[in-house]
Amino acid sequence: MSQIIQALSSNGKDDLKALAAASLLANSGITLSTGNYIVTVSLNTPKKDLTLIFDTGNTLTWTHVSRARDLATLNPTRYQCRYTIIYSNSSFSRGFFTTKKLTISPMDAIDNFEFDCGKYNRGLFGGAARLIGLSDDNISIVGETATKYGKYFSYCLASTTSSTGHLTFGEDCGASSLVSFTPLSKVPQSSQFYGIKIVGISVGGNLFSSGGAVIDSGTVIAQLPPTAYIALRTAFRKAMANYMTAPALAFLDTCYEFSKRAPSWSR
């Protein structure tokens, strides 16, 4: 899966020019017990490597405070500048801002990069050192590196745990000529998100009309509004009538036993 994005500035202009490009290897986070995708960057001098979940729906770049303490000589004058961020799944982080040198690649480094050190954290982050925020906001990594990369970034998600994708900053993403494009749109409820228009969803030949959607690399499972989900679930259950159902798993309420088909008398 590939995405190529240029974030729009808050005043609606997108005339920033990319002056450079830098690429990071992107891998499945399964090895760190997370369903998200991860990259490794370095902070501070000498460098301290951090493996972070990259999240297009997140503004802040932050790491757990135990790892931040390994970054020697944190600036104590910044401790009073604190933050709290709460996510839709009730995950949260509270801590303080600081600045350090961010190294993206051997040839690309950002001085005075502002990131966050989370002292109190809860969430499904697995073994990752937490998050790198890619949303359309001045304090995300996209905004902080705008003069260098022009607010352009792209990513290609690895299809298996043994394959590798990329997260690239800058306009030169090396996209294949086979890549298809669709326009991005603003999300009225929050300008920091990247949106797309979904024409419809088809189940068993039945087409359900749809509307706008948010692209969020930090969300593992696609989500729909309740009315749309119920209609989709009803059509899917009808199409899956020949399979035995399985107990629900947490909020996943439509599960099936694929090792055997339902007996004919139950249909």
C-alpha atoms as a PDB file:
ATOM      1  CA  MET A   1       0.000   0.000   0.000  1.00  0.00           C
ATOM      2  CA  SER A   2       1.425   3.394  -0.956  1.00  0.00           C
ATOM      3  CA  GLN A   3       0.411   6.907   0.055  1.00  0.00           C
ATOM      4  CA  ILE A   4       1.944  10.139  -1.260  1.00  0.00           C
ATOM      5  CA  ILE A   5       0.960  13.244   0.675  1.00  0.00           C
ATOM      6  CA  GLN A   6       1.681  16.956   0.678  1.00  0.00           C
ATOM      7  CA  ALA A   7       0.188  18.557   3.749  1.00  0.00           C
ATOM      8  CA  LEU A   8      -1.561  21.884   3.207  1.00  0.00           C
ATOM      9  CA  SER A   9      -0.476  24.714   5.425  1.00  0.00           C
ATOM     10  CA  SER A  10      -3.006  26.092   7.866  1.00  0.00           C
ATOM     11  CA  ASN A  11      -3.680  29.128   5.662  1.00  0.00           C
ATOM     12  CA  GLY A  12      -4.598  26.914   2.719  1.00  0.00           C
ATOM     13  CA  LYS A  13      -1.425  27.526   0.707  1.00  0.00           C
ATOM     14  CA  ASP A  14       0.743  24.677  -0.505  1.00  0.00           C
ATOM     15  CA  ASP A  15       3.544  26.621  -2.192  1.00  0.00           C
ATOM     16  CA  LEU A  16       6.388  25.272  -0.051  1.00  0.00           C
ATOM     17  CA  LYS A  17       9.137  23.712  -2.132  1.00  0.00           C
ATOM     18  CA  ALA A  18      10.899  20.508  -1.185  1.00  0.00           C
ATOM     19  CA  LEU A  19      14.641  21.152  -1.006  1.00  0.00           C
ATOM     20  CA  ALA A  20      15.709  17.642  -0.056  1.00  0.00           C
ATOM     21  CA  ALA A  21      14.498  14.085   0.417  1.00  0.00           C
ATOM     22  CA  ALA A  22      15.233  11.489   3.075  1.00  0.00           C
ATOM     23  CA  SER A  23      13.939   7.957   3.427  1.00  0.00           C
ATOM     24  CA  LEU A  24      13.498   5.588   6.364  1.00  0.00           C
ATOM     25  CA  LEU A  25      12.894   1.850   6.287  1.00  0.00           C
ATOM     26  CA  ALA A  26       9.348   1.041   7.427  1.00  0.00           C
ATOM     27  CA  ASN A  27       8.575  -2.338   8.955  1.00  0.00           C
ATOM     28  CA  SER A  28       5.663  -4.176  10.479  1.00  0.00           C
ATOM     29  CA  GLY A  29       5.464  -3.642  14.229  1.00  0.00           C
ATOM     30  CA  ILE A  30       4.410  -7.235  14.905  1.00  0.00           C
ATOM     31  CA  THR A  31       7.873  -8.001  16.319  1.00  0.00           C
ATOM     32  CA  LEU A  32       7.244  -5.272  18.905  1.00  0.00           C
ATOM     33  CA  SER A  33       3.709  -6.499  19.682  1.00  0.00           C
ATOM     34  CA  THR A  34       1.944  -3.692  17.838  1.00  0.00           C
ATOM     35  CA  GLY A  35      -0.255  -3.821  14.742  1.00  0.00           C
ATOM     36  CA  ASN A  36       1.151  -0.513  13.505  1.00  0.00           C
ATOM     37  CA  TYR A  37       4.143   0.240  11.281  1.00  0.00           C
ATOM     38  CA  ILE A  38       7.465   1.427  12.665  1.00  0.00           C
ATOM     39  CA  VAL A  39      10.566   3.392  11.673  1.00  0.00           C
ATOM     40  CA  THR A  40      13.809   4.099  13.512  1.00  0.00           C
ATOM     41  CA  VAL A  41      15.179   7.626  13.967  1.00  0.00           C
ATOM     42  CA  SER A  42      17.876   9.052  16.218  1.00  0.00           C
ATOM     43  CA  LEU A  43      17.741  11.875  18.745  1.00  0.00           C
ATOM     44  CA  ASN A  44      20.493  13.789  20.466  1.00  0.00           C
ATOM     45  CA  THR A  45      24.272  13.857  20.052  1.00  0.00           C
ATOM     46  CA  PRO A  46      25.642  11.236  20.438  1.00  0.00           C
ATOM     47  CA  LYS A  47      22.716   9.606  18.698  1.00  0.00           C
ATOM     48  CA  LYS A  48      20.122   7.561  20.571  1.00  0.00           C
ATOM     49  CA  ASP A  49      18.073   5.296  18.284  1.00  0.00           C
ATOM     50  CA  LEU A  50      14.307   5.191  18.850  1.00  0.00           C
ATOM     51  CA  THR A  51      11.884   2.881  17.069  1.00  0.00           C
ATOM     52  CA  LEU A  52       8.610   4.785  16.683  1.00  0.00           C
ATOM     53  CA  ILE A  53       5.150   4.096  15.284  1.00  0.00           C
ATOM     54  CA  PHE A  54       4.509   6.507  12.407  1.00  0.00           C
ATOM     55  CA  ASP A  55       1.042   7.958  12.659  1.00  0.00           C
ATOM     56  CA  THR A  56      -0.634  10.256  10.108  1.00  0.00           C
ATOM     57  CA  GLY A  57      -3.446  10.916  12.580  1.00  0.00           C
ATOM     58  CA  ASN A  58      -1.146  12.120  15.342  1.00  0.00           C
ATOM     59  CA  THR A  59       0.325  15.595  15.834  1.00  0.00           C
ATOM     60  CA  LEU A  60       3.016  15.050  18.444  1.00  0.00           C
ATOM     61  CA  THR A  61       6.247  13.125  18.184  1.00  0.00           C
ATOM     62  CA  TRP A  62       6.861  11.686  21.635  1.00  0.00           C
ATOM     63  CA  THR A  63       8.770   8.998  23.472  1.00  0.00           C
ATOM     64  CA  HIS A  64       8.449   7.345  26.874  1.00  0.00           C
ATOM     65  CA  VAL A  65      10.275   9.280  29.592  1.00  0.00           C
ATOM     66  CA  SER A  66      12.464   6.325  30.585  1.00  0.00           C
ATOM     67  CA  ARG A  67      13.892   6.401  27.077  1.00  0.00           C
ATOM     68  CA  ALA A  68      14.005  10.196  27.066  1.00  0.00           C
ATOM     69  CA  ARG A  69      16.153  10.134  30.195  1.00  0.00           C
ATOM     70  CA  ASP A  70      18.737   8.200  28.191  1.00  0.00           C
ATOM     71  CA  LEU A  71      19.027  11.316  26.017  1.00  0.00           C
ATOM     72  CA  ALA A  72      21.567  13.103  28.142  1.00  0.00           C
ATOM     73  CA  THR A  73      21.271  16.744  29.202  1.00  0.00           C
ATOM     74  CA  LEU A  74      17.590  17.358  28.562  1.00  0.00           C
ATOM     75  CA  ASN A  75      17.031  21.093  28.802  1.00  0.00           C
ATOM     76  CA  PRO A  76      15.492  21.656  32.273  1.00  0.00           C
ATOM     77  CA  THR A  77      14.196  25.103  31.301  1.00  0.00           C
ATOM     78  CA  ARG A  78      11.642  23.400  29.046  1.00  0.00           C
ATOM     79  CA  TYR A  79      10.211  21.165  31.810  1.00  0.00           C
ATOM     80  CA  GLN A  80       7.534  23.732  32.602  1.00  0.00           C
ATOM     81  CA  CYS A  81       6.154  23.446  29.077  1.00  0.00           C
ATOM     82  CA  ARG A  82       3.923  20.422  29.549  1.00  0.00           C
ATOM     83  CA  TYR A  83       1.471  18.592  27.311  1.00  0.00           C
ATOM     84  CA  THR A  84      -1.418  16.142  27.538  1.00  0.00           C
ATOM     85  CA  ILE A  85      -2.752  14.188  24.569  1.00  0.00           C
ATOM     86  CA  ILE A  86      -5.721  11.794  24.725  1.00  0.00           C
ATOM     87  CA  TYR A  87      -6.566   9.483  21.820  1.00  0.00           C
ATOM     88  CA  SER A  88      -9.951   8.186  20.726  1.00  0.00           C
ATOM     89  CA  ASN A  89      -9.240   4.690  22.121  1.00  0.00           C
ATOM     90  CA  SER A  90      -8.526   6.220  25.575  1.00  0.00           C
ATOM     91  CA  SER A  91      -4.750   5.930  25.203  1.00  0.00           C
ATOM     92  CA  PHE A  92      -2.989   8.992  26.580  1.00  0.00           C
ATOM     93  CA  SER A  93       0.365  10.614  27.265  1.00  0.00           C
ATOM     94  CA  ARG A  94       1.353  13.395  29.656  1.00  0.00           C
ATOM     95  CA  GLY A  95       4.796  14.913  29.901  1.00  0.00           C
ATOM     96  CA  PHE A  96       6.958  17.818  28.808  1.00  0.00           C
ATOM     97  CA  PHE A  97       8.440  19.310  25.643  1.00  0.00           C
ATOM     98  CA  THR A  98      12.144  19.453  24.871  1.00  0.00           C
ATOM     99  CA  THR A  99      14.377  19.964  21.823  1.00  0.00           C
ATOM    100  CA  LYS A 100      17.165  17.814  20.437  1.00  0.00           C
ATOM    101  CA  LYS A 101      18.859  17.053  17.142  1.00  0.00           C
ATOM    102  CA  LEU A 102      16.778  14.643  15.035  1.00  0.00           C
ATOM    103  CA  THR A 103      18.704  12.391  12.641  1.00  0.00           C
ATOM    104  CA  ILE A 104      16.584  10.852   9.881  1.00  0.00           C
ATOM    105  CA  SER A 105      19.399   9.434   7.759  1.00  0.00           C
ATOM    106  CA  PRO A 106      23.223   9.703   7.731  1.00  0.00           C
ATOM    107  CA  MET A 107      22.872  12.737   5.449  1.00  0.00           C
ATOM    108  CA  ASP A 108      19.762  14.325   6.987  1.00  0.00           C
ATOM    109  CA  ALA A 109      19.473  15.872  10.423  1.00  0.00           C
ATOM    110  CA  ILE A 110      17.186  18.513  11.932  1.00  0.00           C
ATOM    111  CA  ASP A 111      18.595  20.735  14.671  1.00  0.00           C
ATOM    112  CA  ASN A 112      16.373  21.924  17.528  1.00  0.00           C
ATOM    113  CA  PHE A 113      13.649  19.405  16.740  1.00  0.00           C
ATOM    114  CA  GLU A 114      10.850  19.754  19.278  1.00  0.00           C
ATOM    115  CA  PHE A 115       9.481  16.484  20.650  1.00  0.00           C
ATOM    116  CA  ASP A 116       7.712  15.311  23.765  1.00  0.00           C
ATOM    117  CA  CYS A 117       8.809  13.168  26.671  1.00  0.00           C
ATOM    118  CA  GLY A 118       5.882  11.206  28.079  1.00  0.00           C
ATOM    119  CA  LYS A 119       6.054  10.676  31.831  1.00  0.00           C
ATOM    120  CA  TYR A 120       2.566   9.180  32.287  1.00  0.00           C
ATOM    121  CA  ASN A 121       1.421   7.002  29.390  1.00  0.00           C
ATOM    122  CA  ARG A 122      -1.149   4.329  28.662  1.00  0.00           C
ATOM    123  CA  GLY A 123      -2.030   2.638  25.395  1.00  0.00           C
ATOM    124  CA  LEU A 124      -1.502  -0.147  22.895  1.00  0.00           C
ATOM    125  CA  PHE A 125       2.020   0.815  21.821  1.00  0.00           C
ATOM    126  CA  GLY A 126       3.677  -2.565  22.314  1.00  0.00           C
ATOM    127  CA  GLY A 127       7.455  -2.361  22.564  1.00  0.00           C
ATOM    128  CA  ALA A 128       7.726   0.743  20.382  1.00  0.00           C
ATOM    129  CA  ALA A 129       9.349   3.836  21.886  1.00  0.00           C
ATOM    130  CA  ARG A 130       5.995   5.514  21.063  1.00  0.00           C
ATOM    131  CA  LEU A 131       4.984   7.774  18.137  1.00  0.00           C
ATOM    132  CA  ILE A 132       6.156  10.011  15.334  1.00  0.00           C
ATOM    133  CA  GLY A 133       3.375  12.451  14.403  1.00  0.00           C
ATOM    134  CA  LEU A 134       2.739  13.092  10.693  1.00  0.00           C
ATOM    135  CA  SER A 135      -0.495  15.082  10.817  1.00  0.00           C
ATOM    136  CA  ASP A 136      -1.021  18.422   9.073  1.00  0.00           C
ATOM    137  CA  ASP A 137       0.017  20.631  11.973  1.00  0.00           C
ATOM    138  CA  ASN A 138       2.835  23.063  12.638  1.00  0.00           C
ATOM    139  CA  ILE A 139       4.134  21.033  15.580  1.00  0.00           C
ATOM    140  CA  SER A 140       4.136  17.660  13.787  1.00  0.00           C
ATOM    141  CA  ILE A 141       7.327  16.457  12.120  1.00  0.00           C
ATOM    142  CA  VAL A 142       5.751  17.502   8.806  1.00  0.00           C
ATOM    143  CA  GLY A 143       5.364  21.065  10.042  1.00  0.00           C
ATOM    144  CA  GLU A 144       8.714  21.211  11.827  1.00  0.00           C
ATOM    145  CA  THR A 145      10.604  20.112   8.699  1.00  0.00           C
ATOM    146  CA  ALA A 146       8.514  22.135   6.221  1.00  0.00           C
ATOM    147  CA  THR A 147      11.342  24.397   5.063  1.00  0.00           C
ATOM    148  CA  LYS A 148      13.508  21.357   4.286  1.00  0.00           C
ATOM    149  CA  TYR A 149      11.018  18.886   2.800  1.00  0.00           C
ATOM    150  CA  GLY A 150       8.220  21.195   1.625  1.00  0.00           C
ATOM    151  CA  LYS A 151       5.604  19.363   3.761  1.00  0.00           C
ATOM    152  CA  TYR A 152       5.841  16.403   1.382  1.00  0.00           C
ATOM    153  CA  PHE A 153       6.025  12.850   2.644  1.00  0.00           C
ATOM    154  CA  SER A 154       5.111   9.407   1.324  1.00  0.00           C
ATOM    155  CA  TYR A 155       4.998   5.903   2.667  1.00  0.00           C
ATOM    156  CA  CYS A 156       4.729   2.360   1.368  1.00  0.00           C
ATOM    157  CA  LEU A 157       3.537  -0.253   3.854  1.00  0.00           C
ATOM    158  CA  ALA A 158       5.236  -3.642   4.018  1.00  0.00           C
ATOM    159  CA  SER A 159       2.817  -6.420   3.035  1.00  0.00           C
ATOM    160  CA  THR A 160       4.471  -9.072   5.257  1.00  0.00           C
ATOM    161  CA  THR A 161       6.664  -9.126   8.355  1.00  0.00           C
ATOM    162  CA  SER A 162       9.593 -10.248   6.189  1.00  0.00           C
ATOM    163  CA  SER A 163       9.280  -7.381   3.690  1.00  0.00           C
ATOM    164  CA  THR A 164      10.204  -3.713   4.071  1.00  0.00           C
ATOM    165  CA  GLY A 165       8.442  -0.499   3.100  1.00  0.00           C
ATOM    166  CA  HIS A 166       9.531   3.103   3.440  1.00  0.00           C
ATOM    167  CA  LEU A 167       8.660   6.458   4.952  1.00  0.00           C
ATOM    168  CA  THR A 168      10.105   9.233   2.793  1.00  0.00           C
ATOM    169  CA  PHE A 169      10.236  12.966   3.468  1.00  0.00           C
ATOM    170  CA  GLY A 170      10.429  15.225   0.435  1.00  0.00           C
ATOM    171  CA  GLU A 171       8.856  15.273  -3.000  1.00  0.00           C
ATOM    172  CA  ASP A 172      11.182  12.713  -4.592  1.00  0.00           C
ATOM    173  CA  CYS A 173       9.364   9.588  -3.445  1.00  0.00           C
ATOM    174  CA  GLY A 174      10.362   7.357  -6.377  1.00  0.00           C
ATOM    175  CA  ALA A 175       6.762   6.275  -6.997  1.00  0.00           C
ATOM    176  CA  SER A 176       6.152   3.658  -9.664  1.00  0.00           C
ATOM    177  CA  SER A 177       4.360   4.704 -12.846  1.00  0.00           C
ATOM    178  CA  LEU A 178       1.724   2.121 -11.899  1.00  0.00           C
ATOM    179  CA  VAL A 179       0.677   4.075  -8.801  1.00  0.00           C
ATOM    180  CA  SER A 180      -2.865   5.456  -8.922  1.00  0.00           C
ATOM    181  CA  PHE A 181      -3.681   8.773  -7.287  1.00  0.00           C
ATOM    182  CA  THR A 182      -6.754  10.188  -5.598  1.00  0.00           C
ATOM    183  CA  PRO A 183      -7.142  13.762  -4.330  1.00  0.00           C
ATOM    184  CA  LEU A 184      -6.796  14.525  -0.637  1.00  0.00           C
ATOM    185  CA  SER A 185      -9.454  16.521   1.140  1.00  0.00           C
ATOM    186  CA  LYS A 186      -9.721  18.447   4.361  1.00  0.00           C
ATOM    187  CA  VAL A 187     -11.682  16.912   7.236  1.00  0.00           C
ATOM    188  CA  PRO A 188     -14.185  19.508   8.482  1.00  0.00           C
ATOM    189  CA  GLN A 189     -14.143  18.243  12.051  1.00  0.00           C
ATOM    190  CA  SER A 190     -10.342  18.582  12.350  1.00  0.00           C
ATOM    191  CA  SER A 191      -7.962  20.239   9.919  1.00  0.00           C
ATOM    192  CA  GLN A 192      -4.990  18.180  11.096  1.00  0.00           C
ATOM    193  CA  PHE A 193      -6.291  14.998   9.424  1.00  0.00           C
ATOM    194  CA  TYR A 194      -5.858  13.893   5.812  1.00  0.00           C
ATOM    195  CA  GLY A 195      -9.104  12.890   4.107  1.00  0.00           C
ATOM    196  CA  ILE A 196     -10.177  11.107   0.941  1.00  0.00           C
ATOM    197  CA  LYS A 197     -13.513  10.593  -0.796  1.00  0.00           C
ATOM    198  CA  ILE A 198     -14.755   6.991  -0.867  1.00  0.00           C
ATOM    199  CA  VAL A 199     -17.135   6.363  -3.757  1.00  0.00           C
ATOM    200  CA  GLY A 200     -18.670   3.266  -2.201  1.00  0.00           C
ATOM    201  CA  ILE A 201     -18.178  -0.136  -0.600  1.00  0.00           C
ATOM    202  CA  SER A 202     -19.334  -3.300  -2.363  1.00  0.00           C
ATOM    203  CA  VAL A 203     -20.367  -6.525  -0.598  1.00  0.00           C
ATOM    204  CA  GLY A 204     -21.579  -9.439  -2.678  1.00  0.00           C
ATOM    205  CA  GLY A 205     -22.453  -7.158  -5.581  1.00  0.00           C
ATOM    206  CA  ASN A 206     -24.370  -4.717  -3.379  1.00  0.00           C
ATOM    207  CA  LEU A 207     -22.908  -1.207  -3.481  1.00  0.00           C
ATOM    208  CA  PHE A 208     -23.161   0.951  -0.390  1.00  0.00           C
ATOM    209  CA  SER A 209     -22.596   4.641  -0.951  1.00  0.00           C
ATOM    210  CA  SER A 210     -20.084   6.332   1.274  1.00  0.00           C
ATOM    211  CA  GLY A 211     -18.614   9.728   2.003  1.00  0.00           C
ATOM    212  CA  GLY A 212     -15.370  11.109   3.311  1.00  0.00           C
ATOM    213  CA  ALA A 213     -12.819   9.118   5.258  1.00  0.00           C
ATOM    214  CA  VAL A 214      -9.696   9.841   7.286  1.00  0.00           C
ATOM    215  CA  ILE A 215      -6.350   8.277   6.332  1.00  0.00           C
ATOM    216  CA  ASP A 216      -4.791   7.204   9.609  1.00  0.00           C
ATOM    217  CA  SER A 217      -1.722   4.964   9.548  1.00  0.00           C
ATOM    218  CA  GLY A 218      -1.924   4.725  13.336  1.00  0.00           C
ATOM    219  CA  THR A 219      -5.340   3.031  13.289  1.00  0.00           C
ATOM    220  CA  VAL A 220      -5.090  -0.733  12.767  1.00  0.00           C
ATOM    221  CA  ILE A 221      -8.737  -1.520  11.940  1.00  0.00           C
ATOM    222  CA  ALA A 222     -10.883   0.344   9.414  1.00  0.00           C
ATOM    223  CA  GLN A 223     -13.880   1.937  11.108  1.00  0.00           C
ATOM    224  CA  LEU A 224     -17.283   3.100   9.887  1.00  0.00           C
ATOM    225  CA  PRO A 225     -20.067   5.172  11.459  1.00  0.00           C
ATOM    226  CA  PRO A 226     -22.663   2.931  13.197  1.00  0.00           C
ATOM    227  CA  THR A 227     -25.366   3.251  10.491  1.00  0.00           C
ATOM    228  CA  ALA A 228     -22.939   2.413   7.687  1.00  0.00           C
ATOM    229  CA  TYR A 229     -21.354  -0.398   9.689  1.00  0.00           C
ATOM    230  CA  ILE A 230     -24.691  -2.072  10.492  1.00  0.00           C
ATOM    231  CA  ALA A 231     -25.700  -2.049   6.813  1.00  0.00           C
ATOM    232  CA  LEU A 232     -22.317  -3.454   5.789  1.00  0.00           C
ATOM    233  CA  ARG A 233     -22.388  -6.083   8.536  1.00  0.00           C
ATOM    234  CA  THR A 234     -25.883  -7.254   7.564  1.00  0.00           C
ATOM    235  CA  ALA A 235     -24.862  -7.735   3.918  1.00  0.00           C
ATOM    236  CA  PHE A 236     -21.612  -9.457   4.915  1.00  0.00           C
ATOM    237  CA  ARG A 237     -23.352 -11.856   7.300  1.00  0.00           C
ATOM    238  CA  LYS A 238     -25.808 -12.786   4.558  1.00  0.00           C
ATOM    239  CA  ALA A 239     -22.972 -13.497   2.139  1.00  0.00           C
ATOM    240  CA  MET A 240     -21.201 -15.599   4.803  1.00  0.00           C
ATOM    241  CA  ALA A 241     -24.248 -17.721   5.660  1.00  0.00           C
ATOM    242  CA  ASN A 242     -22.434 -20.956   4.683  1.00  0.00           C
ATOM    243  CA  TYR A 243     -19.817 -20.523   7.377  1.00  0.00           C
ATOM    244  CA  MET A 244     -20.026 -21.252  11.077  1.00  0.00           C
ATOM    245  CA  THR A 245     -19.934 -18.156  13.257  1.00  0.00           C
ATOM    246  CA  ALA A 246     -17.410 -17.802  16.059  1.00  0.00           C
ATOM    247  CA  PRO A 247     -17.678 -15.904  19.349  1.00  0.00           C
ATOM    248  CA  ALA A 248     -17.094 -12.172  19.206  1.00  0.00           C
ATOM    249  CA  LEU A 249     -13.589 -10.974  20.007  1.00  0.00           C
ATOM    250  CA  ALA A 250     -13.759  -7.775  22.032  1.00  0.00           C
ATOM    251  CA  PHE A 251     -15.443  -5.185  19.765  1.00  0.00           C
ATOM    252  CA  LEU A 252     -15.097  -7.465  16.695  1.00  0.00           C
ATOM    253  CA  ASP A 253     -18.664  -8.753  16.600  1.00  0.00           C
ATOM    254  CA  THR A 254     -18.703 -10.605  13.255  1.00  0.00           C
ATOM    255  CA  CYS A 255     -16.314 -13.560  13.470  1.00  0.00           C
ATOM    256  CA  TYR A 256     -16.269 -16.906  11.646  1.00  0.00           C
ATOM    257  CA  GLU A 257     -14.870 -20.404  11.971  1.00  0.00           C
ATOM    258  CA  PHE A 258     -13.106 -21.015   8.646  1.00  0.00           C
ATOM    259  CA  SER A 259     -12.033 -24.583   9.333  1.00  0.00           C
ATOM    260  CA  LYS A 260     -15.530 -25.942   8.644  1.00  0.00           C
ATOM    261  CA  ARG A 261     -18.692 -24.938   6.842  1.00  0.00           C
ATOM    262  CA  ALA A 262     -22.116 -24.777   8.419  1.00  0.00           C
ATOM    263  CA  PRO A 263     -24.194 -27.963   7.918  1.00  0.00           C
ATOM    264  CA  SER A 264     -26.861 -27.758   5.230  1.00  0.00           C
ATOM    265  CA  TRP A 265     -29.707 -28.094   7.737  1.00  0.00           C
ATOM    266  CA  SER A 266     -28.655 -24.859   9.460  1.00  0.00           C
ATOM    267  CA  ARG A 267     -29.039 -22.787   6.278  1.00  0.00           C
END
